[in-house]
């Protein structure tokens, strides 16, 4: 087996969404060959790619059919997450994708969906943040077992510092429930609530994220 033959075989593997082969798309990296063992890395456009198993099986079959039927093939995955943002990115400039969980009705499972979506992204290797935008009844601290914990502050631009999100399960978390007592949050109204949401966007050190999931966006916040 040679690197050239491996690449030639993998040029028959199509990326289903992009409609071109993974070699032409420059998705194949770090080819290593030792005897009958061959390994390489496929760079996906998102760590949450649902077609990962399909691509893996196609790569293995291509090597075995076109290069060496006795080959042991190890396909690794990494991701260079793309962004779908079309705004100027003056806000949250290091966040590639923002996912809002939206409903005009309460009690329909927005927090459950947002939490599981964030966990799924993180388990696939993405850098993820979860913003709990429910000012009146924050549930993220309870769901992630961080109730009662308080985030740290670091120096930021101007007089105010930046809030450092609490991390659990590889996810950066921010909620009003991490800043004030639960009972205090319930009585917030109007400008106070809007100010808190704005602070979560401008004054939190989210840093680089592939996905920022925002929970509890309803009619009051749109």
N, C-alpha and C. Protein backbone atom coordinates (compact mmCIF):
# COMPACT_ATOMS: atom_id res chain seq x y z
N UNK A 1 0.84 -1.20 0.00
CA UNK A 1 0.00 0.00 0.00
C UNK A 1 0.88 1.25 0.00
N UNK A 2 0.45 2.23 -0.75
CA UNK A 2 1.13 3.51 -0.78
C UNK A 2 0.12 4.62 -0.53
N UNK A 3 0.63 5.79 -0.17
CA UNK A 3 -0.26 6.93 0.08
C UNK A 3 -1.02 7.30 -1.19
N UNK A 4 -0.34 7.18 -2.34
CA UNK A 4 -0.99 7.54 -3.60
C UNK A 4 -2.17 6.62 -3.89
N UNK A 5 -1.97 5.31 -3.64
CA UNK A 5 -3.07 4.37 -3.90
C UNK A 5 -4.22 4.57 -2.92
N UNK A 6 -3.88 4.91 -1.69
CA UNK A 6 -4.93 5.16 -0.69
C UNK A 6 -5.76 6.38 -1.11
N UNK A 7 -5.09 7.45 -1.52
CA UNK A 7 -5.81 8.65 -1.95
C UNK A 7 -6.64 8.38 -3.20
N UNK A 8 -6.09 7.58 -4.11
CA UNK A 8 -6.84 7.24 -5.32
C UNK A 8 -8.12 6.49 -4.98
N UNK A 9 -8.02 5.57 -4.01
CA UNK A 9 -9.20 4.81 -3.59
C UNK A 9 -10.21 5.72 -2.91
N UNK A 10 -9.72 6.60 -2.04
CA UNK A 10 -10.62 7.47 -1.29
C UNK A 10 -11.26 8.54 -2.18
N UNK A 11 -10.71 8.76 -3.36
CA UNK A 11 -11.33 9.71 -4.28
C UNK A 11 -12.66 9.20 -4.82
N UNK A 12 -12.98 7.93 -4.50
CA UNK A 12 -14.28 7.38 -4.87
C UNK A 12 -15.33 7.55 -3.77
N UNK A 13 -14.90 8.12 -2.63
CA UNK A 13 -15.82 8.33 -1.52
C UNK A 13 -16.40 9.73 -1.60
N UNK A 14 -17.70 9.82 -1.75
CA UNK A 14 -18.37 11.11 -1.88
C UNK A 14 -18.78 11.68 -0.51
N UNK A 15 -18.66 13.00 -0.37
CA UNK A 15 -19.25 13.69 0.77
C UNK A 15 -20.70 13.96 0.39
N UNK A 16 -21.67 13.28 1.04
CA UNK A 16 -23.06 13.31 0.56
C UNK A 16 -23.66 14.70 0.45
N UNK A 17 -23.35 15.59 1.38
CA UNK A 17 -23.96 16.92 1.36
C UNK A 17 -23.33 17.83 0.31
N UNK A 18 -22.01 17.73 0.15
CA UNK A 18 -21.29 18.64 -0.74
C UNK A 18 -21.21 18.14 -2.18
N UNK A 19 -21.46 16.83 -2.37
CA UNK A 19 -21.54 16.29 -3.72
C UNK A 19 -20.22 16.11 -4.43
N UNK A 20 -19.09 16.15 -3.70
CA UNK A 20 -17.78 15.91 -4.28
C UNK A 20 -17.05 14.87 -3.43
N UNK A 21 -15.97 14.30 -3.99
CA UNK A 21 -15.25 13.29 -3.23
C UNK A 21 -14.38 13.94 -2.16
N UNK A 22 -14.08 13.17 -1.11
CA UNK A 22 -13.40 13.72 0.06
C UNK A 22 -11.95 14.10 -0.21
N UNK A 23 -11.35 13.55 -1.27
CA UNK A 23 -9.98 13.93 -1.62
C UNK A 23 -9.97 15.30 -2.32
N UNK A 24 -10.88 15.48 -3.26
CA UNK A 24 -11.00 16.77 -3.94
C UNK A 24 -11.31 17.89 -2.95
N UNK A 25 -12.12 17.55 -1.93
CA UNK A 25 -12.50 18.54 -0.91
C UNK A 25 -11.41 18.74 0.14
N UNK A 26 -10.27 18.03 -0.02
CA UNK A 26 -9.14 18.15 0.90
C UNK A 26 -9.53 17.78 2.34
N UNK A 27 -10.34 16.75 2.45
CA UNK A 27 -10.81 16.31 3.76
C UNK A 27 -9.96 15.18 4.35
N UNK A 28 -9.00 14.66 3.60
CA UNK A 28 -8.20 13.52 4.07
C UNK A 28 -6.83 14.02 4.53
N UNK A 29 -6.49 13.72 5.78
CA UNK A 29 -5.22 14.18 6.37
C UNK A 29 -4.52 13.01 7.07
N UNK A 30 -3.22 13.18 7.30
CA UNK A 30 -2.43 12.32 8.20
C UNK A 30 -2.54 10.83 7.85
N UNK A 31 -2.27 10.49 6.60
CA UNK A 31 -2.28 9.09 6.19
C UNK A 31 -1.04 8.39 6.75
N UNK A 32 -1.25 7.27 7.42
CA UNK A 32 -0.15 6.47 7.96
C UNK A 32 -0.33 5.02 7.55
N UNK A 33 0.75 4.42 7.04
CA UNK A 33 0.70 3.03 6.55
C UNK A 33 1.81 2.23 7.22
N UNK A 34 1.43 1.12 7.84
CA UNK A 34 2.39 0.19 8.45
C UNK A 34 1.94 -1.22 8.11
N UNK A 35 2.62 -1.84 7.13
CA UNK A 35 2.22 -3.17 6.70
C UNK A 35 0.81 -3.14 6.13
N UNK A 36 -0.07 -3.96 6.72
CA UNK A 36 -1.47 -4.00 6.28
C UNK A 36 -2.35 -3.01 7.04
N UNK A 37 -1.75 -2.21 7.90
CA UNK A 37 -2.52 -1.25 8.68
C UNK A 37 -2.44 0.14 8.04
N UNK A 38 -3.57 0.75 7.87
CA UNK A 38 -3.61 2.10 7.32
C UNK A 38 -4.58 2.93 8.17
N UNK A 39 -4.16 4.15 8.48
CA UNK A 39 -5.02 5.06 9.24
C UNK A 39 -4.95 6.44 8.60
N UNK A 40 -6.01 7.19 8.76
CA UNK A 40 -6.05 8.56 8.24
C UNK A 40 -7.18 9.30 8.95
N UNK A 41 -7.16 10.61 8.79
CA UNK A 41 -8.17 11.47 9.43
C UNK A 41 -9.01 12.13 8.37
N UNK A 42 -10.32 12.12 8.59
CA UNK A 42 -11.27 12.81 7.71
C UNK A 42 -11.74 14.07 8.44
N UNK A 43 -11.54 15.22 7.82
CA UNK A 43 -11.91 16.50 8.42
C UNK A 43 -13.33 16.86 7.99
N UNK A 44 -14.26 16.83 8.93
CA UNK A 44 -15.66 17.12 8.65
C UNK A 44 -15.93 18.62 8.75
N UNK A 45 -17.05 19.05 8.18
CA UNK A 45 -17.44 20.46 8.28
C UNK A 45 -18.13 20.77 9.59
N UNK A 46 -18.51 19.74 10.33
CA UNK A 46 -19.11 19.91 11.65
C UNK A 46 -18.90 18.64 12.45
N UNK A 47 -18.55 18.74 13.73
CA UNK A 47 -18.36 17.53 14.54
C UNK A 47 -19.66 16.77 14.75
N UNK A 48 -20.80 17.44 14.52
CA UNK A 48 -22.10 16.78 14.70
C UNK A 48 -22.62 16.18 13.40
N UNK A 49 -21.74 15.91 12.46
CA UNK A 49 -22.14 15.37 11.15
C UNK A 49 -22.90 14.06 11.32
N UNK A 50 -24.16 13.97 10.85
CA UNK A 50 -24.94 12.74 11.01
C UNK A 50 -24.53 11.63 10.06
N UNK A 51 -23.66 11.95 9.10
CA UNK A 51 -23.26 10.97 8.08
C UNK A 51 -21.88 10.38 8.37
N UNK A 52 -21.42 10.54 9.59
CA UNK A 52 -20.08 10.09 9.95
C UNK A 52 -19.89 8.59 9.72
N UNK A 53 -20.84 7.78 10.17
CA UNK A 53 -20.73 6.32 10.00
C UNK A 53 -20.76 5.93 8.53
N UNK A 54 -21.58 6.63 7.74
CA UNK A 54 -21.65 6.35 6.31
C UNK A 54 -20.32 6.62 5.64
N UNK A 55 -19.68 7.73 5.98
CA UNK A 55 -18.38 8.08 5.41
C UNK A 55 -17.33 7.08 5.85
N UNK A 56 -17.34 6.68 7.12
CA UNK A 56 -16.37 5.71 7.63
C UNK A 56 -16.47 4.39 6.86
N UNK A 57 -17.68 3.87 6.72
CA UNK A 57 -17.86 2.59 6.03
C UNK A 57 -17.45 2.68 4.57
N UNK A 58 -17.74 3.82 3.93
CA UNK A 58 -17.36 3.99 2.52
C UNK A 58 -15.84 4.02 2.37
N UNK A 59 -15.15 4.65 3.32
CA UNK A 59 -13.68 4.70 3.28
C UNK A 59 -13.08 3.31 3.45
N UNK A 60 -13.58 2.57 4.41
CA UNK A 60 -13.07 1.21 4.66
C UNK A 60 -13.29 0.32 3.44
N UNK A 61 -14.48 0.39 2.87
CA UNK A 61 -14.78 -0.43 1.69
C UNK A 61 -13.91 -0.05 0.51
N UNK A 62 -13.65 1.23 0.32
CA UNK A 62 -12.82 1.68 -0.80
C UNK A 62 -11.40 1.14 -0.67
N UNK A 63 -10.83 1.19 0.54
CA UNK A 63 -9.46 0.68 0.74
C UNK A 63 -9.42 -0.83 0.51
N UNK A 64 -10.37 -1.55 1.05
CA UNK A 64 -10.37 -3.01 0.94
C UNK A 64 -10.62 -3.48 -0.49
N UNK A 65 -11.48 -2.79 -1.23
CA UNK A 65 -11.82 -3.20 -2.58
C UNK A 65 -10.78 -2.77 -3.61
N UNK A 66 -10.18 -1.59 -3.40
CA UNK A 66 -9.33 -1.01 -4.44
C UNK A 66 -7.84 -1.02 -4.11
N UNK A 67 -7.49 -1.30 -2.85
CA UNK A 67 -6.07 -1.26 -2.47
C UNK A 67 -5.60 -2.60 -1.91
N UNK A 68 -6.22 -3.04 -0.81
CA UNK A 68 -5.76 -4.26 -0.14
C UNK A 68 -6.92 -4.88 0.63
N UNK A 69 -7.38 -6.04 0.18
CA UNK A 69 -8.53 -6.67 0.83
C UNK A 69 -8.24 -7.11 2.26
N UNK A 70 -6.97 -7.24 2.61
CA UNK A 70 -6.59 -7.66 3.96
C UNK A 70 -6.23 -6.48 4.86
N UNK A 71 -6.46 -5.29 4.38
CA UNK A 71 -6.06 -4.10 5.14
C UNK A 71 -6.92 -3.94 6.40
N UNK A 72 -6.27 -3.46 7.46
CA UNK A 72 -6.97 -3.02 8.66
C UNK A 72 -7.02 -1.50 8.60
N UNK A 73 -8.23 -0.96 8.50
CA UNK A 73 -8.41 0.47 8.23
C UNK A 73 -8.96 1.17 9.46
N UNK A 74 -8.25 2.21 9.90
CA UNK A 74 -8.71 3.03 11.02
C UNK A 74 -9.01 4.43 10.49
N UNK A 75 -10.26 4.82 10.59
CA UNK A 75 -10.69 6.15 10.13
C UNK A 75 -10.95 7.04 11.34
N UNK A 76 -10.14 8.08 11.49
CA UNK A 76 -10.35 9.06 12.56
C UNK A 76 -11.11 10.25 12.01
N UNK A 77 -11.77 10.98 12.90
CA UNK A 77 -12.51 12.16 12.48
C UNK A 77 -12.11 13.36 13.31
N UNK A 78 -12.04 14.49 12.65
CA UNK A 78 -11.93 15.77 13.32
C UNK A 78 -12.86 16.72 12.56
N UNK A 79 -12.96 17.96 13.00
CA UNK A 79 -13.89 18.87 12.34
C UNK A 79 -13.32 20.28 12.29
N UNK A 80 -13.57 20.91 11.20
CA UNK A 80 -13.29 22.35 11.03
C UNK A 80 -14.65 23.00 10.85
N UNK A 81 -15.29 23.32 11.96
CA UNK A 81 -16.68 23.76 11.93
C UNK A 81 -16.83 25.05 11.12
N UNK A 82 -17.76 25.02 10.17
CA UNK A 82 -18.04 26.20 9.37
C UNK A 82 -19.08 27.06 10.09
N UNK A 83 -19.27 28.27 9.61
CA UNK A 83 -20.25 29.17 10.20
C UNK A 83 -21.31 29.53 9.17
N UNK A 84 -22.56 29.62 9.65
CA UNK A 84 -23.67 30.04 8.80
C UNK A 84 -24.08 31.49 9.10
N UNK A 85 -23.29 32.18 9.91
CA UNK A 85 -23.65 33.55 10.28
C UNK A 85 -23.44 34.49 9.10
N UNK A 86 -24.44 35.36 8.87
CA UNK A 86 -24.35 36.34 7.80
C UNK A 86 -24.32 37.77 8.35
N UNK A 87 -24.35 37.91 9.70
CA UNK A 87 -24.30 39.23 10.32
C UNK A 87 -22.85 39.71 10.38
N UNK A 88 -22.62 40.97 10.71
CA UNK A 88 -21.23 41.50 10.77
C UNK A 88 -20.39 40.88 11.89
N UNK A 89 -21.01 40.12 12.80
CA UNK A 89 -20.33 39.46 13.91
C UNK A 89 -19.64 40.45 14.84
N UNK A 90 -20.24 41.63 14.99
CA UNK A 90 -19.74 42.59 15.97
C UNK A 90 -20.07 42.12 17.38
N UNK A 91 -21.09 41.30 17.52
CA UNK A 91 -21.46 40.68 18.80
C UNK A 91 -21.10 39.20 18.73
N UNK A 92 -20.52 38.69 19.80
CA UNK A 92 -20.08 37.28 19.86
C UNK A 92 -19.22 36.91 18.64
N UNK A 93 -18.15 37.65 18.41
CA UNK A 93 -17.35 37.45 17.20
C UNK A 93 -16.67 36.09 17.11
N UNK A 94 -16.44 35.43 18.25
CA UNK A 94 -15.74 34.14 18.23
C UNK A 94 -16.70 32.95 18.23
N UNK A 95 -17.99 33.22 18.12
CA UNK A 95 -18.99 32.15 18.09
C UNK A 95 -19.37 31.88 16.64
N UNK A 96 -19.13 30.66 16.18
CA UNK A 96 -19.36 30.36 14.76
C UNK A 96 -20.84 30.20 14.43
N UNK A 97 -21.60 29.58 15.34
CA UNK A 97 -23.01 29.33 15.06
C UNK A 97 -23.84 29.55 16.32
N UNK A 98 -24.97 30.24 16.17
CA UNK A 98 -25.88 30.50 17.28
C UNK A 98 -27.19 29.77 17.02
N UNK A 99 -27.58 28.91 17.97
CA UNK A 99 -28.79 28.10 17.83
C UNK A 99 -29.78 28.52 18.91
N UNK A 100 -30.91 29.10 18.50
CA UNK A 100 -31.93 29.53 19.46
C UNK A 100 -33.06 28.51 19.50
N UNK A 101 -33.39 28.08 20.71
CA UNK A 101 -34.52 27.16 20.90
C UNK A 101 -35.75 28.03 21.19
N UNK A 102 -36.70 28.04 20.26
CA UNK A 102 -37.76 29.04 20.26
C UNK A 102 -39.13 28.41 20.47
N UNK A 103 -39.95 29.08 21.27
CA UNK A 103 -41.36 28.71 21.40
C UNK A 103 -42.10 29.89 22.02
N UNK A 104 -43.33 30.11 21.57
CA UNK A 104 -44.16 31.16 22.16
C UNK A 104 -44.96 30.66 23.34
N UNK A 105 -44.81 29.40 23.71
CA UNK A 105 -45.58 28.80 24.80
C UNK A 105 -44.62 28.19 25.81
N UNK A 106 -44.97 28.28 27.06
CA UNK A 106 -44.14 27.69 28.10
C UNK A 106 -44.49 26.23 28.34
N UNK A 107 -43.57 25.52 28.97
CA UNK A 107 -43.83 24.15 29.37
C UNK A 107 -43.84 23.14 28.25
N UNK A 108 -43.19 23.45 27.13
CA UNK A 108 -43.21 22.51 26.00
C UNK A 108 -41.88 21.77 25.83
N UNK A 109 -40.92 22.01 26.74
CA UNK A 109 -39.67 21.25 26.70
C UNK A 109 -38.50 21.96 26.06
N UNK A 110 -38.53 23.29 26.02
CA UNK A 110 -37.41 24.03 25.41
C UNK A 110 -36.09 23.75 26.12
N UNK A 111 -36.11 23.75 27.44
CA UNK A 111 -34.87 23.53 28.19
C UNK A 111 -34.33 22.13 27.97
N UNK A 112 -35.20 21.15 27.89
CA UNK A 112 -34.77 19.78 27.65
C UNK A 112 -34.14 19.65 26.27
N UNK A 113 -34.77 20.26 25.28
CA UNK A 113 -34.22 20.23 23.92
C UNK A 113 -32.87 20.94 23.86
N UNK A 114 -32.80 22.13 24.46
CA UNK A 114 -31.56 22.91 24.43
C UNK A 114 -30.42 22.16 25.13
N UNK A 115 -30.70 21.59 26.30
CA UNK A 115 -29.67 20.87 27.05
C UNK A 115 -29.16 19.66 26.28
N UNK A 116 -30.07 18.88 25.72
CA UNK A 116 -29.66 17.68 24.98
C UNK A 116 -28.97 18.03 23.67
N UNK A 117 -29.37 19.12 23.05
CA UNK A 117 -28.70 19.57 21.83
C UNK A 117 -27.26 19.97 22.14
N UNK A 118 -27.07 20.72 23.23
CA UNK A 118 -25.72 21.13 23.63
C UNK A 118 -24.86 19.91 23.97
N UNK A 119 -25.43 18.97 24.69
CA UNK A 119 -24.70 17.75 25.05
C UNK A 119 -24.31 16.94 23.82
N UNK A 120 -25.21 16.84 22.85
CA UNK A 120 -24.91 16.10 21.63
C UNK A 120 -23.78 16.75 20.85
N UNK A 121 -23.80 18.08 20.75
CA UNK A 121 -22.70 18.79 20.07
C UNK A 121 -21.38 18.53 20.79
N UNK A 122 -21.40 18.63 22.12
CA UNK A 122 -20.17 18.46 22.91
C UNK A 122 -19.62 17.05 22.80
N UNK A 123 -20.50 16.06 22.80
CA UNK A 123 -20.05 14.67 22.70
C UNK A 123 -19.41 14.38 21.35
N UNK A 124 -19.76 15.16 20.34
CA UNK A 124 -19.15 14.99 19.02
C UNK A 124 -17.89 15.82 18.86
N UNK A 125 -17.45 16.47 19.94
CA UNK A 125 -16.18 17.17 19.92
C UNK A 125 -16.26 18.66 19.65
N UNK A 126 -17.45 19.22 19.61
CA UNK A 126 -17.60 20.65 19.35
C UNK A 126 -17.37 21.46 20.61
N UNK A 127 -16.97 22.72 20.43
CA UNK A 127 -16.88 23.67 21.54
C UNK A 127 -18.25 24.32 21.69
N UNK A 128 -18.88 24.14 22.85
CA UNK A 128 -20.29 24.48 23.00
C UNK A 128 -20.53 25.36 24.22
N UNK A 129 -21.43 26.33 24.06
CA UNK A 129 -21.92 27.13 25.17
C UNK A 129 -23.43 27.00 25.24
N UNK A 130 -23.98 27.10 26.46
CA UNK A 130 -25.43 27.05 26.65
C UNK A 130 -25.84 28.25 27.49
N UNK A 131 -26.62 29.16 26.89
CA UNK A 131 -27.10 30.35 27.57
C UNK A 131 -28.55 30.14 27.99
N UNK A 132 -28.80 30.21 29.29
CA UNK A 132 -30.16 30.09 29.82
C UNK A 132 -30.78 31.49 29.85
N UNK A 133 -31.65 31.78 28.87
CA UNK A 133 -32.25 33.10 28.76
C UNK A 133 -33.57 33.22 29.52
N UNK A 134 -33.89 32.23 30.34
CA UNK A 134 -35.10 32.29 31.15
C UNK A 134 -34.79 33.04 32.44
N UNK A 135 -35.23 34.29 32.52
CA UNK A 135 -34.94 35.12 33.67
C UNK A 135 -35.84 34.76 34.85
N UNK A 136 -37.05 34.30 34.57
CA UNK A 136 -38.04 34.13 35.63
C UNK A 136 -38.02 32.75 36.28
N UNK A 137 -37.52 31.76 35.59
CA UNK A 137 -37.47 30.42 36.16
C UNK A 137 -36.34 29.61 35.56
N UNK A 138 -35.09 30.01 35.79
CA UNK A 138 -33.95 29.33 35.17
C UNK A 138 -33.84 27.88 35.61
N UNK A 139 -33.65 26.99 34.63
CA UNK A 139 -33.60 25.56 34.95
C UNK A 139 -32.26 24.91 34.62
N UNK A 140 -31.43 25.60 33.85
CA UNK A 140 -30.14 25.00 33.46
C UNK A 140 -29.27 24.65 34.67
N UNK A 141 -29.17 25.51 35.72
CA UNK A 141 -28.35 25.13 36.88
C UNK A 141 -28.82 23.82 37.53
N UNK A 142 -30.12 23.59 37.54
CA UNK A 142 -30.64 22.35 38.13
C UNK A 142 -30.33 21.17 37.22
N UNK A 143 -30.56 21.33 35.91
CA UNK A 143 -30.37 20.24 34.95
C UNK A 143 -28.92 19.78 34.88
N UNK A 144 -27.97 20.73 35.10
CA UNK A 144 -26.56 20.39 34.98
C UNK A 144 -25.88 20.23 36.33
N UNK A 145 -26.65 20.28 37.41
CA UNK A 145 -26.09 20.04 38.73
C UNK A 145 -25.14 21.10 39.22
N UNK A 146 -25.37 22.37 38.83
CA UNK A 146 -24.46 23.45 39.27
C UNK A 146 -25.22 24.48 40.11
N UNK A 147 -26.36 24.10 40.61
CA UNK A 147 -27.16 25.03 41.42
C UNK A 147 -26.37 25.47 42.65
N UNK A 148 -26.33 26.76 42.90
CA UNK A 148 -25.59 27.30 44.04
C UNK A 148 -24.18 27.71 43.72
N UNK A 149 -23.65 27.31 42.57
CA UNK A 149 -22.30 27.70 42.19
C UNK A 149 -22.33 29.11 41.60
N UNK A 150 -21.20 29.81 41.70
CA UNK A 150 -21.09 31.17 41.21
C UNK A 150 -19.91 31.28 40.25
N UNK A 151 -20.10 31.92 39.10
CA UNK A 151 -18.99 32.07 38.15
C UNK A 151 -17.96 33.08 38.63
N UNK A 152 -16.75 32.97 38.09
CA UNK A 152 -15.68 33.90 38.42
C UNK A 152 -15.71 35.09 37.47
N UNK A 153 -14.95 36.12 37.83
CA UNK A 153 -14.80 37.31 36.99
C UNK A 153 -13.34 37.44 36.57
N UNK A 154 -13.12 37.90 35.36
CA UNK A 154 -11.78 38.20 34.89
C UNK A 154 -11.77 39.62 34.33
N UNK A 155 -10.61 40.26 34.25
CA UNK A 155 -10.57 41.62 33.71
C UNK A 155 -11.05 41.65 32.26
N UNK A 156 -11.78 42.70 31.93
CA UNK A 156 -12.28 42.88 30.57
C UNK A 156 -12.03 44.29 30.10
N UNK A 157 -12.62 44.63 28.97
CA UNK A 157 -12.47 45.99 28.44
C UNK A 157 -13.29 46.96 29.29
N UNK A 158 -12.75 48.14 29.52
CA UNK A 158 -13.46 49.13 30.30
C UNK A 158 -13.39 48.82 31.79
N UNK A 159 -14.35 49.37 32.53
CA UNK A 159 -14.35 49.23 33.98
C UNK A 159 -14.88 47.87 34.43
N UNK A 160 -15.80 47.30 33.66
CA UNK A 160 -16.41 46.04 34.06
C UNK A 160 -15.57 44.86 33.62
N UNK A 161 -15.58 43.83 34.44
CA UNK A 161 -14.89 42.61 34.06
C UNK A 161 -15.81 41.71 33.24
N UNK A 162 -15.29 40.55 32.91
CA UNK A 162 -16.06 39.56 32.16
C UNK A 162 -16.41 38.38 33.06
N UNK A 163 -17.60 37.85 32.89
CA UNK A 163 -18.06 36.69 33.64
C UNK A 163 -17.56 35.43 32.95
N UNK A 164 -16.95 34.54 33.71
CA UNK A 164 -16.46 33.27 33.15
C UNK A 164 -17.53 32.20 33.35
N UNK A 165 -18.04 31.63 32.28
CA UNK A 165 -19.08 30.60 32.42
C UNK A 165 -18.59 29.40 33.21
N UNK A 166 -19.50 28.76 33.91
CA UNK A 166 -19.19 27.50 34.59
C UNK A 166 -19.23 26.37 33.56
N UNK A 167 -18.32 25.43 33.64
CA UNK A 167 -18.27 24.33 32.67
C UNK A 167 -18.71 23.01 33.30
N UNK A 168 -19.55 22.29 32.57
CA UNK A 168 -19.98 20.94 32.93
C UNK A 168 -20.12 20.12 31.66
N UNK A 169 -19.58 18.91 31.68
CA UNK A 169 -19.70 17.99 30.55
C UNK A 169 -19.18 18.61 29.25
N UNK A 170 -18.16 19.48 29.38
CA UNK A 170 -17.58 20.10 28.20
C UNK A 170 -18.40 21.24 27.64
N UNK A 171 -19.36 21.75 28.41
CA UNK A 171 -20.24 22.83 27.95
C UNK A 171 -20.07 24.04 28.86
N UNK A 172 -19.94 25.23 28.26
CA UNK A 172 -19.89 26.46 29.03
C UNK A 172 -21.31 26.92 29.32
N UNK A 173 -21.62 27.12 30.61
CA UNK A 173 -22.99 27.42 31.03
C UNK A 173 -23.10 28.82 31.61
N UNK A 174 -24.18 29.53 31.25
CA UNK A 174 -24.48 30.79 31.89
C UNK A 174 -25.98 30.91 32.07
N UNK A 175 -26.37 31.30 33.29
CA UNK A 175 -27.78 31.41 33.65
C UNK A 175 -27.92 32.46 34.75
N UNK A 176 -29.06 33.12 34.79
CA UNK A 176 -29.32 34.05 35.89
C UNK A 176 -29.32 33.31 37.22
N UNK A 177 -29.62 32.01 37.17
CA UNK A 177 -29.61 31.19 38.38
C UNK A 177 -28.22 31.00 38.96
N UNK A 178 -27.18 31.35 38.19
CA UNK A 178 -25.80 31.28 38.68
C UNK A 178 -25.34 32.60 39.28
N UNK A 179 -26.16 33.64 39.11
CA UNK A 179 -25.77 34.97 39.56
C UNK A 179 -26.57 35.47 40.76
N UNK A 180 -27.85 35.08 40.84
CA UNK A 180 -28.71 35.55 41.92
C UNK A 180 -29.49 34.38 42.50
N UNK A 181 -30.10 34.60 43.65
CA UNK A 181 -30.95 33.61 44.26
C UNK A 181 -32.16 33.33 43.36
N UNK A 182 -32.61 32.07 43.31
CA UNK A 182 -33.72 31.70 42.44
C UNK A 182 -34.95 32.58 42.68
N UNK A 183 -35.27 32.88 43.93
CA UNK A 183 -36.46 33.67 44.24
C UNK A 183 -36.32 35.11 43.75
N UNK A 184 -35.09 35.62 43.72
CA UNK A 184 -34.87 36.98 43.25
C UNK A 184 -35.13 37.10 41.75
N UNK A 185 -34.78 36.05 41.01
CA UNK A 185 -34.96 36.09 39.56
C UNK A 185 -36.43 36.18 39.18
N UNK A 186 -37.30 35.57 39.97
CA UNK A 186 -38.72 35.51 39.63
C UNK A 186 -39.36 36.89 39.58
N UNK A 187 -38.89 37.84 40.40
CA UNK A 187 -39.53 39.15 40.49
C UNK A 187 -38.98 40.15 39.47
N UNK A 188 -38.03 39.74 38.65
CA UNK A 188 -37.47 40.65 37.66
C UNK A 188 -38.48 40.92 36.55
N UNK A 189 -38.51 42.14 36.05
CA UNK A 189 -39.43 42.51 34.99
C UNK A 189 -38.77 43.51 34.04
N UNK A 190 -39.33 43.65 32.86
CA UNK A 190 -38.99 44.69 31.90
C UNK A 190 -37.51 44.95 31.70
N UNK A 191 -37.07 46.20 31.96
CA UNK A 191 -35.69 46.59 31.68
C UNK A 191 -34.66 45.73 32.41
N UNK A 192 -34.97 45.29 33.62
CA UNK A 192 -34.01 44.46 34.35
C UNK A 192 -33.77 43.15 33.62
N UNK A 193 -34.84 42.53 33.15
CA UNK A 193 -34.72 41.27 32.43
C UNK A 193 -33.95 41.46 31.12
N UNK A 194 -34.28 42.52 30.37
CA UNK A 194 -33.59 42.79 29.12
C UNK A 194 -32.11 43.06 29.34
N UNK A 195 -31.79 43.77 30.42
CA UNK A 195 -30.40 44.07 30.74
C UNK A 195 -29.62 42.80 31.05
N UNK A 196 -30.26 41.86 31.75
CA UNK A 196 -29.59 40.60 32.08
C UNK A 196 -29.26 39.80 30.83
N UNK A 197 -30.22 39.71 29.89
CA UNK A 197 -29.98 38.99 28.65
C UNK A 197 -28.86 39.64 27.85
N UNK A 198 -28.88 40.97 27.80
CA UNK A 198 -27.83 41.70 27.08
C UNK A 198 -26.46 41.45 27.71
N UNK A 199 -26.43 41.37 29.04
CA UNK A 199 -25.17 41.12 29.73
C UNK A 199 -24.64 39.73 29.41
N UNK A 200 -25.52 38.76 29.25
CA UNK A 200 -25.10 37.40 28.91
C UNK A 200 -24.42 37.37 27.54
N UNK A 201 -24.77 38.31 26.67
CA UNK A 201 -24.19 38.36 25.33
C UNK A 201 -22.89 39.15 25.33
N UNK A 202 -22.87 40.29 26.02
CA UNK A 202 -21.73 41.20 25.91
C UNK A 202 -20.68 41.04 27.01
N UNK A 203 -21.09 40.58 28.18
CA UNK A 203 -20.20 40.58 29.33
C UNK A 203 -19.79 39.20 29.81
N UNK A 204 -20.06 38.17 29.00
CA UNK A 204 -19.65 36.81 29.35
C UNK A 204 -18.50 36.39 28.45
N UNK A 205 -17.49 35.79 29.03
CA UNK A 205 -16.31 35.36 28.29
C UNK A 205 -16.58 34.00 27.63
N UNK A 206 -17.36 34.03 26.55
CA UNK A 206 -17.67 32.78 25.85
C UNK A 206 -16.45 32.25 25.11
N UNK A 207 -15.57 33.15 24.67
CA UNK A 207 -14.38 32.80 23.92
C UNK A 207 -14.78 32.10 22.61
N UNK A 208 -13.97 31.15 22.14
CA UNK A 208 -14.25 30.50 20.86
C UNK A 208 -15.25 29.36 21.06
N UNK A 209 -16.33 29.41 20.30
CA UNK A 209 -17.35 28.36 20.35
C UNK A 209 -17.75 27.96 18.93
N UNK A 210 -17.97 26.66 18.76
CA UNK A 210 -18.56 26.20 17.50
C UNK A 210 -20.06 26.47 17.50
N UNK A 211 -20.69 26.27 18.69
CA UNK A 211 -22.13 26.47 18.81
C UNK A 211 -22.45 27.13 20.15
N UNK A 212 -23.29 28.15 20.11
CA UNK A 212 -23.88 28.72 21.31
C UNK A 212 -25.38 28.44 21.24
N UNK A 213 -25.86 27.59 22.15
CA UNK A 213 -27.28 27.25 22.20
C UNK A 213 -27.95 28.18 23.21
N UNK A 214 -29.02 28.84 22.78
CA UNK A 214 -29.74 29.75 23.65
C UNK A 214 -31.08 29.13 24.01
N UNK A 215 -31.30 28.95 25.30
CA UNK A 215 -32.51 28.29 25.80
C UNK A 215 -33.55 29.30 26.22
N UNK A 216 -34.81 28.96 26.00
CA UNK A 216 -35.95 29.73 26.52
C UNK A 216 -36.17 31.04 25.79
N UNK A 217 -35.96 31.07 24.49
CA UNK A 217 -36.32 32.25 23.72
C UNK A 217 -37.81 32.15 23.38
N UNK A 218 -38.59 33.03 23.92
CA UNK A 218 -40.03 33.05 23.65
C UNK A 218 -40.45 34.42 23.17
N UNK A 219 -41.75 34.67 23.15
CA UNK A 219 -42.24 35.94 22.63
C UNK A 219 -41.73 37.13 23.42
N UNK A 220 -41.44 36.93 24.72
CA UNK A 220 -40.99 38.05 25.54
C UNK A 220 -39.61 38.54 25.16
N UNK A 221 -38.83 37.69 24.48
CA UNK A 221 -37.44 38.04 24.16
C UNK A 221 -37.23 38.35 22.70
N UNK A 222 -38.23 38.10 21.85
CA UNK A 222 -38.05 38.27 20.42
C UNK A 222 -38.37 39.71 20.02
